[in-house]
Amino acid sequence: MSNPSQLVSTPTEALFRLGGPKANRMMPLAGILVLTFFALFVELPTWSQDQHADHEHTGMSMAADEPAQDALLSWKRESEGNHHLIGFFLVLSGLFILAQDVLEKKISALAYAWPTCFLLSGVFVLVYSDTELWPFGPKPWIQGTITNPEVIQHKIFAVLLLIVGLIEVERVRRGLKGVWVWVFPVLALTGSVLLLCHSHHSGMRGPNHIAIMARIQAEHLSYAVAGFGIVSAKGLAEVSTKWQIVFAKLWPTLMVVLGVLLMCYAE
């Protein structure tokens, strides 16, 4: 008689036992590959229908290319919320850096706190910054990204944040020196330059769009100026001079300033 503990209780368990340990290990990988395929290439079948209905409804009530008011408000809330959350993470990062000497004496693991804030920001921007893309929206990633300059820029910002976070984690873990200390200034400079030409399509729709775009451009210009300040101070903090300590405190302070500016973002 079979041991009761060896009885198969569900079809899924039966499938796993049939495939053996190797098949069990491959199942999560197969699931990830399927999800990746859908995210990158597959357009959800409801997309064209929803868009067609939206355009029909919009054309009956507004100009042909004018989105509905509720869509404008949704874009506004989403965009402002994204800026505010990234600003919050930047403020946390700056404060952790400023208090790093004190905090590390109590809990050494807090040395990873500010790079972790960058990693969280990068993941958030990569996944959630454009909700028309899968999994929140119907558009696949490749189509939705390559056809929209704003989305491309968002994903570049996400990659920059992730690279900085990963490198800084490795600097803490392995004590990386030399050329690695310049990764942050170089990538921060790249992000600051991108801010000067950041397209923002959500502000180009609806009433008063000219005034809205002017305000958005002025806000992003202030972010770029703060970014250039961070780049300069961080670079000078890596050079051995009598002002090194001052610059070492200045660049995280400017990071807090940038974070506050982002938390005040409004369209």
Protein backbone atom coordinates (compact mmCIF):
# COMPACT_ATOMS: atom_id res chain seq x y z
CA MET A 1 0.00 0.00 0.00
CA SER A 2 1.25 3.48 -0.81
CA ASN A 3 2.34 5.80 1.90
CA PRO A 4 -0.47 8.41 2.44
CA SER A 5 2.14 11.17 2.61
CA GLN A 6 3.06 10.34 -1.01
CA LEU A 7 -0.47 10.70 -2.38
CA VAL A 8 -1.00 13.53 -4.86
CA SER A 9 -3.71 15.89 -3.69
CA THR A 10 -4.04 18.24 -6.68
CA PRO A 11 -3.50 18.11 -10.48
CA THR A 12 -0.80 20.80 -10.16
CA GLU A 13 1.09 18.72 -7.64
CA ALA A 14 0.72 15.71 -9.94
CA LEU A 15 2.21 17.71 -12.82
CA PHE A 16 5.15 18.88 -10.71
CA ARG A 17 5.87 15.33 -9.52
CA LEU A 18 5.65 14.03 -13.07
CA GLY A 19 8.17 16.58 -14.30
CA GLY A 20 10.56 16.04 -11.47
CA PRO A 21 12.81 18.56 -9.64
CA LYS A 22 14.29 19.97 -12.85
CA ALA A 23 10.85 20.74 -14.29
CA ASN A 24 9.84 22.33 -11.00
CA ARG A 25 12.80 24.70 -11.21
CA MET A 26 11.99 25.56 -14.83
CA MET A 27 8.34 26.48 -14.18
CA PRO A 28 9.05 29.93 -12.62
CA LEU A 29 11.48 30.72 -15.45
CA ALA A 30 8.91 29.75 -18.06
CA GLY A 31 6.34 31.97 -16.37
CA ILE A 32 8.74 34.91 -16.35
CA LEU A 33 9.52 34.40 -20.05
CA VAL A 34 5.82 34.32 -20.93
CA LEU A 35 5.12 37.50 -18.96
CA THR A 36 8.12 39.21 -20.55
CA PHE A 37 6.89 38.27 -24.03
CA PHE A 38 3.45 39.71 -23.35
CA ALA A 39 4.91 42.87 -21.79
CA LEU A 40 7.23 43.57 -24.71
CA PHE A 41 5.29 42.49 -27.78
CA VAL A 42 1.63 41.63 -27.26
CA GLU A 43 -1.01 44.31 -27.56
CA LEU A 44 -4.10 43.61 -25.50
CA PRO A 45 -7.16 43.02 -27.68
CA THR A 46 -9.19 45.70 -25.88
CA TRP A 47 -6.75 48.46 -26.83
CA SER A 48 -7.99 49.21 -30.35
CA GLN A 49 -11.61 48.93 -29.27
CA ASP A 50 -11.18 51.25 -26.32
CA GLN A 51 -9.24 53.74 -28.38
CA HIS A 52 -11.84 53.66 -31.15
CA ALA A 53 -14.62 54.24 -28.64
CA ASP A 54 -12.69 57.01 -26.96
CA HIS A 55 -12.08 58.76 -30.27
CA GLU A 56 -15.74 58.45 -31.26
CA HIS A 57 -16.91 59.85 -27.95
CA THR A 58 -14.29 62.57 -27.99
CA GLY A 59 -15.13 63.61 -31.53
CA MET A 60 -18.78 64.04 -30.60
CA SER A 61 -18.09 66.33 -27.65
CA MET A 62 -14.73 67.98 -28.24
CA ALA A 63 -12.13 68.56 -30.95
CA ALA A 64 -10.93 65.45 -32.79
CA ASP A 65 -7.63 65.29 -30.91
CA GLU A 66 -8.81 66.78 -27.62
CA PRO A 67 -8.96 64.20 -24.82
CA ALA A 68 -11.83 64.12 -22.38
CA GLN A 69 -11.60 66.22 -19.26
CA ASP A 70 -11.49 63.19 -17.00
CA ALA A 71 -8.52 61.86 -18.96
CA LEU A 72 -6.72 65.19 -18.55
CA LEU A 73 -7.29 65.12 -14.80
CA SER A 74 -6.09 61.51 -14.63
CA TRP A 75 -2.88 62.35 -16.52
CA LYS A 76 -2.35 65.38 -14.29
CA ARG A 77 -2.76 63.42 -11.07
CA GLU A 78 -0.53 60.61 -12.32
CA SER A 79 2.23 62.96 -13.49
CA GLU A 80 2.18 65.04 -10.32
CA GLY A 81 2.13 61.93 -8.14
CA ASN A 82 5.14 60.48 -9.97
CA HIS A 83 7.15 63.69 -9.52
CA HIS A 84 6.17 63.94 -5.85
CA LEU A 85 7.18 60.36 -5.04
CA ILE A 86 10.56 60.67 -6.77
CA GLY A 87 11.08 63.95 -4.91
CA PHE A 88 10.32 62.21 -1.63
CA PHE A 89 12.94 59.53 -2.36
CA LEU A 90 15.50 62.23 -3.24
CA VAL A 91 14.83 64.07 0.02
CA LEU A 92 15.28 60.81 1.93
CA SER A 93 18.51 60.08 0.05
CA GLY A 94 19.96 63.50 0.81
CA LEU A 95 19.04 63.29 4.48
CA PHE A 96 20.53 59.80 4.80
CA ILE A 97 23.79 61.04 3.25
CA LEU A 98 23.94 64.10 5.51
CA ALA A 99 23.37 61.95 8.60
CA GLN A 100 25.41 59.00 7.34
CA ASP A 101 28.33 59.36 9.74
CA VAL A 102 26.02 59.34 12.77
CA LEU A 103 23.66 56.65 11.48
CA GLU A 104 26.37 54.19 10.46
CA LYS A 105 27.82 54.21 13.96
CA LYS A 106 24.48 52.92 15.27
CA ILE A 107 23.40 50.66 12.39
CA SER A 108 26.00 49.89 9.75
CA ALA A 109 23.37 48.64 7.30
CA LEU A 110 22.03 52.19 6.97
CA ALA A 111 24.98 52.89 4.67
CA TYR A 112 22.81 51.19 2.03
CA ALA A 113 19.83 53.44 2.70
CA TRP A 114 20.40 56.18 0.16
CA PRO A 115 21.39 53.85 -2.72
CA THR A 116 18.25 51.86 -1.93
CA CYS A 117 16.18 55.03 -2.36
CA PHE A 118 17.66 55.39 -5.85
CA LEU A 119 16.89 51.76 -6.65
CA LEU A 120 13.29 52.14 -5.50
CA SER A 121 12.94 55.32 -7.56
CA GLY A 122 14.36 53.61 -10.62
CA VAL A 123 12.04 50.62 -10.33
CA PHE A 124 9.05 52.91 -9.83
CA VAL A 125 9.85 55.06 -12.88
CA LEU A 126 10.65 52.00 -15.00
CA VAL A 127 7.38 50.24 -14.21
CA TYR A 128 4.83 52.88 -13.25
CA SER A 129 5.79 56.15 -14.95
CA ASP A 130 3.71 55.40 -18.07
CA THR A 131 0.54 53.54 -17.16
CA GLU A 132 -0.55 53.13 -20.77
CA LEU A 133 2.06 50.37 -20.92
CA TRP A 134 1.61 46.79 -19.73
CA PRO A 135 0.78 45.70 -17.00
CA PHE A 136 -1.29 48.78 -16.12
CA GLY A 137 -2.34 49.62 -19.66
CA PRO A 138 -2.90 47.73 -22.89
CA LYS A 139 0.17 48.85 -24.86
CA PRO A 140 3.20 46.52 -25.06
CA TRP A 141 6.47 48.01 -23.89
CA ILE A 142 8.34 48.14 -27.18
CA GLN A 143 5.52 49.73 -29.16
CA GLY A 144 4.58 52.12 -26.38
CA THR A 145 8.19 53.18 -25.79
CA ILE A 146 9.68 53.63 -29.25
CA THR A 147 6.68 55.58 -30.49
CA ASN A 148 6.70 58.15 -27.67
CA PRO A 149 9.75 60.36 -26.89
CA GLU A 150 8.39 61.16 -23.43
CA VAL A 151 8.22 57.48 -22.53
CA ILE A 152 11.74 56.93 -23.87
CA GLN A 153 13.03 59.72 -21.63
CA HIS A 154 11.22 58.30 -18.60
CA LYS A 155 12.85 54.91 -19.15
CA ILE A 156 16.28 56.54 -19.58
CA PHE A 157 15.79 58.35 -16.25
CA ALA A 158 14.83 55.01 -14.68
CA VAL A 159 17.96 53.30 -16.02
CA LEU A 160 20.15 56.15 -14.74
CA LEU A 161 18.63 55.85 -11.26
CA LEU A 162 19.08 52.08 -11.24
CA ILE A 163 22.71 52.26 -12.37
CA VAL A 164 23.55 54.86 -9.72
CA GLY A 165 21.80 52.79 -7.04
CA LEU A 166 23.56 49.56 -8.04
CA ILE A 167 27.01 51.16 -8.28
CA GLU A 168 26.62 52.93 -4.95
CA VAL A 169 25.49 49.69 -3.29
CA GLU A 170 28.64 48.02 -4.64
CA ARG A 171 30.75 50.96 -3.42
CA VAL A 172 29.38 50.45 0.07
CA ARG A 173 29.72 46.66 -0.06
CA ARG A 174 33.14 46.40 -1.68
CA GLY A 175 34.58 49.83 -1.01
CA LEU A 176 35.00 50.64 -4.70
CA LYS A 177 37.30 53.58 -5.36
CA GLY A 178 38.98 55.15 -8.34
CA VAL A 179 36.88 55.71 -11.43
CA TRP A 180 33.75 54.42 -9.69
CA VAL A 181 33.40 57.63 -7.66
CA TRP A 182 32.69 59.50 -10.91
CA VAL A 183 29.75 57.35 -11.96
CA PHE A 184 27.30 59.41 -9.93
CA PRO A 185 28.44 62.84 -11.26
CA VAL A 186 28.52 61.63 -14.88
CA LEU A 187 25.06 60.06 -14.76
CA ALA A 188 23.65 63.01 -12.81
CA LEU A 189 25.01 65.30 -15.52
CA THR A 190 23.34 63.14 -18.17
CA GLY A 191 20.02 63.35 -16.35
CA SER A 192 20.30 67.10 -15.90
CA VAL A 193 20.94 67.63 -19.63
CA LEU A 194 17.96 65.42 -20.47
CA LEU A 195 15.76 67.56 -18.22
CA LEU A 196 16.50 70.56 -20.45
CA CYS A 197 14.87 68.82 -23.41
CA HIS A 198 12.28 66.74 -21.56
CA SER A 199 9.06 66.51 -23.57
CA HIS A 200 5.84 66.52 -21.58
CA HIS A 201 2.88 65.67 -23.79
CA SER A 202 0.28 65.71 -21.02
CA GLY A 203 0.67 69.48 -20.70
CA MET A 204 0.09 69.99 -24.42
CA ARG A 205 -3.61 69.14 -24.22
CA GLY A 206 -6.62 70.86 -22.83
CA PRO A 207 -7.41 74.49 -22.08
CA ASN A 208 -4.60 76.92 -21.24
CA HIS A 209 -2.08 74.40 -22.57
CA ILE A 210 0.39 77.14 -23.52
CA ALA A 211 0.52 78.49 -19.96
CA ILE A 212 0.69 74.95 -18.57
CA MET A 213 3.60 74.03 -20.82
CA ALA A 214 5.43 77.25 -19.89
CA ARG A 215 5.11 76.39 -16.20
CA ILE A 216 6.19 72.78 -16.77
CA GLN A 217 9.25 73.92 -18.71
CA ALA A 218 10.16 76.43 -15.99
CA GLU A 219 9.84 73.72 -13.34
CA HIS A 220 12.04 71.31 -15.28
CA LEU A 221 14.57 74.07 -15.84
CA SER A 222 14.79 74.52 -12.07
CA TYR A 223 15.34 70.76 -11.69
CA ALA A 224 18.13 70.89 -14.27
CA VAL A 225 19.81 73.83 -12.49
CA ALA A 226 19.66 71.96 -9.18
CA GLY A 227 21.02 68.88 -10.96
CA PHE A 228 23.98 70.81 -12.35
CA GLY A 229 24.65 72.08 -8.83
CA ILE A 230 24.63 68.52 -7.51
CA VAL A 231 27.00 67.41 -10.28
CA SER A 232 29.46 70.23 -9.59
CA ALA A 233 29.41 69.82 -5.81
CA LYS A 234 29.68 66.01 -6.00
CA GLY A 235 32.63 66.23 -8.38
CA LEU A 236 34.44 68.76 -6.20
CA ALA A 237 33.72 66.61 -3.13
CA GLU A 238 35.84 63.87 -4.72
CA VAL A 239 38.84 66.19 -5.14
CA SER A 240 41.20 66.66 -2.20
CA THR A 241 41.05 70.38 -1.36
CA LYS A 242 40.46 72.46 1.74
CA TRP A 243 36.83 72.85 0.61
CA GLN A 244 36.23 69.13 0.22
CA ILE A 245 34.22 68.82 3.44
CA VAL A 246 32.01 71.73 2.42
CA PHE A 247 31.25 70.20 -0.97
CA ALA A 248 30.68 66.81 0.67
CA LYS A 249 27.79 68.40 2.60
CA LEU A 250 26.65 70.66 -0.23
CA TRP A 251 25.75 68.02 -2.82
CA PRO A 252 23.34 66.04 -0.60
CA THR A 253 21.85 69.34 0.56
CA LEU A 254 21.19 70.25 -3.07
CA MET A 255 19.69 66.80 -3.52
CA VAL A 256 17.22 67.62 -0.76
CA VAL A 257 16.46 70.92 -2.51
CA LEU A 258 15.81 69.10 -5.77
CA GLY A 259 13.57 66.65 -3.97
CA VAL A 260 11.53 69.46 -2.43
CA LEU A 261 11.18 71.11 -5.84
CA LEU A 262 9.88 67.84 -7.27
CA MET A 263 7.46 67.44 -4.36
CA CYS A 264 6.06 70.89 -5.20
CA TYR A 265 5.55 70.01 -8.88
CA ALA A 266 2.17 71.07 -10.27
CA GLU A 267 0.72 71.13 -13.76
